[in-house]
Amino acid sequence: MVTRQAIFTYAEDTYGITPEYLFKSYPNYAVLKNRQGKWFGAVMNVPQAKLGLPGTDEIDILDIKVDPELGSILRAKPGYLPAYHMNKEHWLTIVLDRQADAAELFQLLDSSYALVTK
């Protein structure tokens, strides 16, 4: 299982950045920005129903930027959804649960960082 803290630790170790908490109304929503201020990730806790999932519990998710073709392929896999609160063609939501593969998730985070840092 990949936790929000594991994502923050990876981002700090890899890119030297720490999460920013920009929303007073949503104190647990964290944004990951590159040095130029462009978002490459957002970690949020949202009700399952807002993601089209059964249940009312809040779950942690990671939104990342993806190539549209890759996003289309990944959305066919469990735990990968159209982006929550972002452009659904260029962003993807990953549910942070037991099914989330750490190696794949961090590789996708690297790709997201590269997409916004070109």
N, C-alpha and C. Protein backbone atom coordinates (compact mmCIF):
# COMPACT_ATOMS: atom_id res chain seq x y z
N MET A 1 0.84 -1.19 0.00
CA MET A 1 0.00 0.00 0.00
C MET A 1 0.89 1.25 0.00
N VAL A 2 0.55 2.19 -0.85
CA VAL A 2 1.29 3.45 -0.92
C VAL A 2 0.51 4.48 -0.11
N THR A 3 1.20 5.12 0.82
CA THR A 3 0.55 6.14 1.65
C THR A 3 0.90 7.53 1.14
N ARG A 4 0.13 8.50 1.60
CA ARG A 4 0.43 9.89 1.23
C ARG A 4 1.82 10.27 1.73
N GLN A 5 2.21 9.79 2.91
CA GLN A 5 3.53 10.12 3.44
C GLN A 5 4.63 9.52 2.57
N ALA A 6 4.41 8.32 2.04
CA ALA A 6 5.41 7.70 1.15
C ALA A 6 5.58 8.55 -0.11
N ILE A 7 4.49 9.10 -0.62
CA ILE A 7 4.56 9.96 -1.80
C ILE A 7 5.33 11.24 -1.48
N PHE A 8 5.06 11.83 -0.33
CA PHE A 8 5.74 13.06 0.06
C PHE A 8 7.23 12.82 0.27
N THR A 9 7.57 11.69 0.89
CA THR A 9 8.98 11.34 1.11
C THR A 9 9.67 11.14 -0.22
N TYR A 10 9.02 10.44 -1.14
CA TYR A 10 9.60 10.20 -2.47
C TYR A 10 9.83 11.54 -3.19
N ALA A 11 8.84 12.42 -3.15
CA ALA A 11 8.96 13.72 -3.83
C ALA A 11 10.10 14.55 -3.24
N GLU A 12 10.25 14.50 -1.93
CA GLU A 12 11.33 15.26 -1.31
C GLU A 12 12.69 14.66 -1.63
N ASP A 13 12.79 13.33 -1.55
CA ASP A 13 14.07 12.65 -1.84
C ASP A 13 14.46 12.78 -3.31
N THR A 14 13.48 12.73 -4.19
CA THR A 14 13.75 12.72 -5.64
C THR A 14 13.87 14.12 -6.23
N TYR A 15 12.99 15.02 -5.83
CA TYR A 15 12.94 16.35 -6.45
C TYR A 15 13.27 17.50 -5.50
N GLY A 16 13.42 17.19 -4.22
CA GLY A 16 13.71 18.24 -3.26
C GLY A 16 12.54 19.16 -2.99
N ILE A 17 11.33 18.66 -3.19
CA ILE A 17 10.16 19.50 -2.94
C ILE A 17 9.30 18.89 -1.84
N THR A 18 8.56 19.73 -1.17
CA THR A 18 7.64 19.29 -0.14
C THR A 18 6.22 19.68 -0.54
N PRO A 19 5.23 18.98 -0.01
CA PRO A 19 3.85 19.31 -0.39
C PRO A 19 3.44 20.69 0.11
N GLU A 20 2.55 21.29 -0.65
CA GLU A 20 1.97 22.57 -0.25
C GLU A 20 0.49 22.37 0.00
N TYR A 21 0.02 22.96 1.07
CA TYR A 21 -1.40 22.87 1.44
C TYR A 21 -2.04 24.22 1.12
N LEU A 22 -2.73 24.29 -0.01
CA LEU A 22 -3.20 25.56 -0.55
C LEU A 22 -4.66 25.89 -0.20
N PHE A 23 -5.40 24.93 0.27
CA PHE A 23 -6.85 25.12 0.40
C PHE A 23 -7.28 25.09 1.86
N LYS A 24 -7.71 26.24 2.38
CA LYS A 24 -8.17 26.30 3.77
C LYS A 24 -9.35 25.37 4.01
N SER A 25 -10.23 25.28 3.03
CA SER A 25 -11.42 24.44 3.17
C SER A 25 -11.09 22.95 3.15
N TYR A 26 -9.95 22.61 2.61
CA TYR A 26 -9.53 21.20 2.49
C TYR A 26 -8.09 21.08 3.02
N PRO A 27 -7.93 21.07 4.33
CA PRO A 27 -6.59 21.11 4.91
C PRO A 27 -5.73 19.89 4.62
N ASN A 28 -6.33 18.78 4.18
CA ASN A 28 -5.55 17.58 3.88
C ASN A 28 -5.19 17.45 2.40
N TYR A 29 -5.64 18.40 1.59
CA TYR A 29 -5.30 18.37 0.16
C TYR A 29 -3.90 18.96 -0.01
N ALA A 30 -3.00 18.17 -0.56
CA ALA A 30 -1.62 18.60 -0.75
C ALA A 30 -1.28 18.63 -2.23
N VAL A 31 -0.55 19.65 -2.64
CA VAL A 31 -0.16 19.82 -4.03
C VAL A 31 1.36 19.66 -4.13
N LEU A 32 1.78 18.96 -5.17
CA LEU A 32 3.21 18.82 -5.48
C LEU A 32 3.49 19.67 -6.72
N LYS A 33 4.40 20.64 -6.57
CA LYS A 33 4.73 21.54 -7.68
C LYS A 33 6.22 21.46 -7.98
N ASN A 34 6.54 21.58 -9.28
CA ASN A 34 7.97 21.63 -9.65
C ASN A 34 8.52 23.02 -9.31
N ARG A 35 9.78 23.23 -9.59
CA ARG A 35 10.44 24.50 -9.24
C ARG A 35 9.83 25.71 -9.96
N GLN A 36 9.19 25.47 -11.11
CA GLN A 36 8.56 26.56 -11.85
C GLN A 36 7.13 26.81 -11.37
N GLY A 37 6.68 26.05 -10.37
CA GLY A 37 5.34 26.25 -9.82
C GLY A 37 4.25 25.48 -10.50
N LYS A 38 4.60 24.56 -11.40
CA LYS A 38 3.58 23.77 -12.10
C LYS A 38 3.27 22.51 -11.31
N TRP A 39 1.99 22.23 -11.19
CA TRP A 39 1.54 21.04 -10.46
C TRP A 39 1.91 19.78 -11.23
N PHE A 40 2.41 18.78 -10.52
CA PHE A 40 2.58 17.46 -11.12
C PHE A 40 1.90 16.38 -10.30
N GLY A 41 1.34 16.76 -9.17
CA GLY A 41 0.60 15.81 -8.35
C GLY A 41 -0.25 16.52 -7.32
N ALA A 42 -1.31 15.84 -6.93
CA ALA A 42 -2.16 16.34 -5.84
C ALA A 42 -2.64 15.12 -5.06
N VAL A 43 -2.45 15.18 -3.75
CA VAL A 43 -2.90 14.10 -2.88
C VAL A 43 -4.10 14.64 -2.11
N MET A 44 -5.22 13.90 -2.19
CA MET A 44 -6.45 14.36 -1.58
C MET A 44 -7.15 13.20 -0.89
N ASN A 45 -8.03 13.53 0.03
CA ASN A 45 -8.92 12.54 0.62
C ASN A 45 -10.33 12.94 0.22
N VAL A 46 -11.02 12.04 -0.48
CA VAL A 46 -12.35 12.35 -1.01
C VAL A 46 -13.31 11.20 -0.71
N PRO A 47 -14.59 11.51 -0.60
CA PRO A 47 -15.58 10.44 -0.43
C PRO A 47 -15.60 9.54 -1.67
N GLN A 48 -15.73 8.24 -1.41
CA GLN A 48 -15.74 7.28 -2.52
C GLN A 48 -16.80 7.62 -3.56
N ALA A 49 -17.96 8.06 -3.12
CA ALA A 49 -19.06 8.36 -4.03
C ALA A 49 -18.69 9.43 -5.04
N LYS A 50 -17.83 10.39 -4.67
CA LYS A 50 -17.42 11.44 -5.60
C LYS A 50 -16.55 10.90 -6.74
N LEU A 51 -16.04 9.69 -6.54
CA LEU A 51 -15.22 9.05 -7.57
C LEU A 51 -16.02 8.01 -8.35
N GLY A 52 -17.31 7.90 -8.02
CA GLY A 52 -18.15 6.90 -8.67
C GLY A 52 -17.96 5.51 -8.08
N LEU A 53 -17.37 5.45 -6.89
CA LEU A 53 -17.15 4.17 -6.23
C LEU A 53 -18.23 3.95 -5.17
N PRO A 54 -18.55 2.69 -4.89
CA PRO A 54 -19.54 2.43 -3.84
C PRO A 54 -18.99 2.78 -2.46
N GLY A 55 -19.85 3.26 -1.59
CA GLY A 55 -19.45 3.56 -0.23
C GLY A 55 -19.41 5.05 0.02
N THR A 56 -19.28 5.39 1.29
CA THR A 56 -19.27 6.79 1.69
C THR A 56 -17.99 7.17 2.42
N ASP A 57 -17.13 6.21 2.68
CA ASP A 57 -15.87 6.51 3.36
C ASP A 57 -14.99 7.40 2.50
N GLU A 58 -14.13 8.18 3.16
CA GLU A 58 -13.14 8.96 2.44
C GLU A 58 -11.93 8.07 2.17
N ILE A 59 -11.37 8.24 0.98
CA ILE A 59 -10.16 7.50 0.62
C ILE A 59 -9.12 8.48 0.11
N ASP A 60 -7.86 8.11 0.26
CA ASP A 60 -6.77 8.93 -0.27
C ASP A 60 -6.57 8.60 -1.74
N ILE A 61 -6.32 9.66 -2.52
CA ILE A 61 -6.05 9.51 -3.95
C ILE A 61 -4.85 10.38 -4.32
N LEU A 62 -4.26 10.04 -5.45
CA LEU A 62 -3.20 10.85 -6.05
C LEU A 62 -3.63 11.19 -7.46
N ASP A 63 -3.67 12.47 -7.79
CA ASP A 63 -3.90 12.92 -9.16
C ASP A 63 -2.54 13.23 -9.78
N ILE A 64 -2.31 12.70 -10.98
CA ILE A 64 -1.07 12.96 -11.70
C ILE A 64 -1.38 13.31 -13.14
N LYS A 65 -0.46 14.02 -13.77
CA LYS A 65 -0.57 14.35 -15.18
C LYS A 65 -0.05 13.17 -15.99
N VAL A 66 -0.76 12.82 -17.07
CA VAL A 66 -0.36 11.69 -17.91
C VAL A 66 -0.53 12.04 -19.38
N ASP A 67 0.21 11.33 -20.19
CA ASP A 67 -0.03 11.37 -21.63
C ASP A 67 -1.43 10.80 -21.86
N PRO A 68 -2.27 11.44 -22.68
CA PRO A 68 -3.64 10.97 -22.86
C PRO A 68 -3.75 9.50 -23.28
N GLU A 69 -2.86 9.03 -24.14
CA GLU A 69 -2.93 7.62 -24.55
C GLU A 69 -2.66 6.69 -23.38
N LEU A 70 -1.67 7.00 -22.58
CA LEU A 70 -1.36 6.19 -21.41
C LEU A 70 -2.51 6.23 -20.42
N GLY A 71 -3.07 7.40 -20.21
CA GLY A 71 -4.20 7.53 -19.30
C GLY A 71 -5.36 6.66 -19.71
N SER A 72 -5.63 6.61 -21.00
CA SER A 72 -6.71 5.79 -21.52
C SER A 72 -6.47 4.30 -21.22
N ILE A 73 -5.24 3.87 -21.33
CA ILE A 73 -4.89 2.47 -21.04
C ILE A 73 -5.00 2.20 -19.53
N LEU A 74 -4.47 3.10 -18.73
CA LEU A 74 -4.46 2.89 -17.28
C LEU A 74 -5.86 2.91 -16.68
N ARG A 75 -6.75 3.72 -17.22
CA ARG A 75 -8.11 3.79 -16.67
C ARG A 75 -8.86 2.47 -16.81
N ALA A 76 -8.35 1.55 -17.59
CA ALA A 76 -8.96 0.23 -17.73
C ALA A 76 -8.55 -0.70 -16.58
N LYS A 77 -7.57 -0.28 -15.79
CA LYS A 77 -7.08 -1.09 -14.67
C LYS A 77 -7.78 -0.70 -13.37
N PRO A 78 -7.94 -1.65 -12.46
CA PRO A 78 -8.53 -1.31 -11.16
C PRO A 78 -7.67 -0.28 -10.41
N GLY A 79 -8.33 0.66 -9.76
CA GLY A 79 -7.62 1.66 -8.97
C GLY A 79 -7.19 2.89 -9.75
N TYR A 80 -7.44 2.91 -11.06
CA TYR A 80 -7.11 4.06 -11.90
C TYR A 80 -8.41 4.62 -12.44
N LEU A 81 -8.63 5.90 -12.20
CA LEU A 81 -9.92 6.53 -12.54
C LEU A 81 -9.70 7.83 -13.30
N PRO A 82 -10.76 8.31 -13.98
CA PRO A 82 -10.66 9.65 -14.54
C PRO A 82 -10.32 10.63 -13.42
N ALA A 83 -9.57 11.63 -13.72
CA ALA A 83 -9.06 12.54 -12.69
C ALA A 83 -10.18 13.20 -11.91
N TYR A 84 -9.98 13.30 -10.62
CA TYR A 84 -10.90 14.01 -9.75
C TYR A 84 -10.50 15.48 -9.76
N HIS A 85 -11.42 16.33 -10.15
CA HIS A 85 -11.25 17.79 -10.12
C HIS A 85 -10.15 18.31 -11.05
N MET A 86 -9.79 17.54 -12.06
CA MET A 86 -8.75 17.95 -13.01
C MET A 86 -9.23 17.59 -14.41
N ASN A 87 -8.50 18.04 -15.42
CA ASN A 87 -8.78 17.70 -16.80
C ASN A 87 -8.71 16.18 -16.96
N LYS A 88 -9.79 15.57 -17.38
CA LYS A 88 -9.89 14.11 -17.43
C LYS A 88 -9.09 13.48 -18.56
N GLU A 89 -8.69 14.28 -19.54
CA GLU A 89 -7.87 13.74 -20.63
C GLU A 89 -6.39 13.71 -20.24
N HIS A 90 -5.94 14.71 -19.52
CA HIS A 90 -4.52 14.85 -19.23
C HIS A 90 -4.13 14.49 -17.80
N TRP A 91 -5.12 14.18 -16.97
CA TRP A 91 -4.85 13.84 -15.57
C TRP A 91 -5.54 12.53 -15.23
N LEU A 92 -4.99 11.85 -14.25
CA LEU A 92 -5.46 10.53 -13.84
C LEU A 92 -5.50 10.47 -12.33
N THR A 93 -6.50 9.80 -11.77
CA THR A 93 -6.57 9.57 -10.33
C THR A 93 -6.15 8.14 -10.04
N ILE A 94 -5.28 8.00 -9.04
CA ILE A 94 -4.87 6.68 -8.56
C ILE A 94 -5.37 6.56 -7.13
N VAL A 95 -6.12 5.50 -6.86
CA VAL A 95 -6.61 5.24 -5.52
C VAL A 95 -5.47 4.65 -4.71
N LEU A 96 -5.20 5.26 -3.56
CA LEU A 96 -4.12 4.79 -2.70
C LEU A 96 -4.68 3.73 -1.74
N ASP A 97 -4.65 2.50 -2.20
CA ASP A 97 -5.12 1.39 -1.38
C ASP A 97 -4.17 0.22 -1.53
N ARG A 98 -4.58 -0.92 -1.07
CA ARG A 98 -3.69 -2.10 -1.09
C ARG A 98 -3.31 -2.52 -2.51
N GLN A 99 -4.13 -2.17 -3.48
CA GLN A 99 -3.85 -2.56 -4.86
C GLN A 99 -2.82 -1.67 -5.54
N ALA A 100 -2.59 -0.50 -5.00
CA ALA A 100 -1.66 0.44 -5.64
C ALA A 100 -0.23 -0.11 -5.60
N ASP A 101 0.36 -0.24 -6.75
CA ASP A 101 1.73 -0.76 -6.87
C ASP A 101 2.70 0.40 -6.73
N ALA A 102 3.56 0.34 -5.71
CA ALA A 102 4.46 1.46 -5.41
C ALA A 102 5.39 1.78 -6.57
N ALA A 103 6.01 0.75 -7.15
CA ALA A 103 6.97 1.00 -8.24
C ALA A 103 6.27 1.69 -9.42
N GLU A 104 5.10 1.21 -9.79
CA GLU A 104 4.36 1.81 -10.90
C GLU A 104 3.92 3.23 -10.56
N LEU A 105 3.43 3.42 -9.34
CA LEU A 105 2.97 4.74 -8.93
C LEU A 105 4.10 5.75 -8.97
N PHE A 106 5.27 5.40 -8.45
CA PHE A 106 6.39 6.34 -8.44
C PHE A 106 6.91 6.59 -9.86
N GLN A 107 6.85 5.59 -10.71
CA GLN A 107 7.23 5.79 -12.11
C GLN A 107 6.27 6.77 -12.78
N LEU A 108 4.98 6.64 -12.49
CA LEU A 108 3.99 7.57 -13.05
C LEU A 108 4.18 8.98 -12.48
N LEU A 109 4.54 9.07 -11.22
CA LEU A 109 4.83 10.38 -10.63
C LEU A 109 6.03 11.02 -11.32
N ASP A 110 7.05 10.22 -11.62
CA ASP A 110 8.21 10.71 -12.36
C ASP A 110 7.80 11.22 -13.74
N SER A 111 6.94 10.46 -14.41
CA SER A 111 6.46 10.87 -15.74
C SER A 111 5.68 12.17 -15.67
N SER A 112 4.85 12.30 -14.63
CA SER A 112 4.08 13.52 -14.44
C SER A 112 5.01 14.71 -14.25
N TYR A 113 6.03 14.53 -13.43
CA TYR A 113 7.00 15.59 -13.19
C TYR A 113 7.68 15.98 -14.51
N ALA A 114 8.06 14.98 -15.29
CA ALA A 114 8.72 15.25 -16.58
C ALA A 114 7.79 15.99 -17.54
N LEU A 115 6.51 15.65 -17.55
CA LEU A 115 5.57 16.30 -18.44
C LEU A 115 5.43 17.80 -18.15
N VAL A 116 5.47 18.17 -16.88
CA VAL A 116 5.29 19.59 -16.56
C VAL A 116 6.62 20.34 -16.48
N THR A 117 7.74 19.63 -16.59
CA THR A 117 9.04 20.27 -16.44
C THR A 117 9.77 20.38 -17.76
N LYS A 118 9.18 19.96 -18.85
CA LYS A 118 9.82 20.01 -20.17
C LYS A 118 10.51 21.34 -20.41
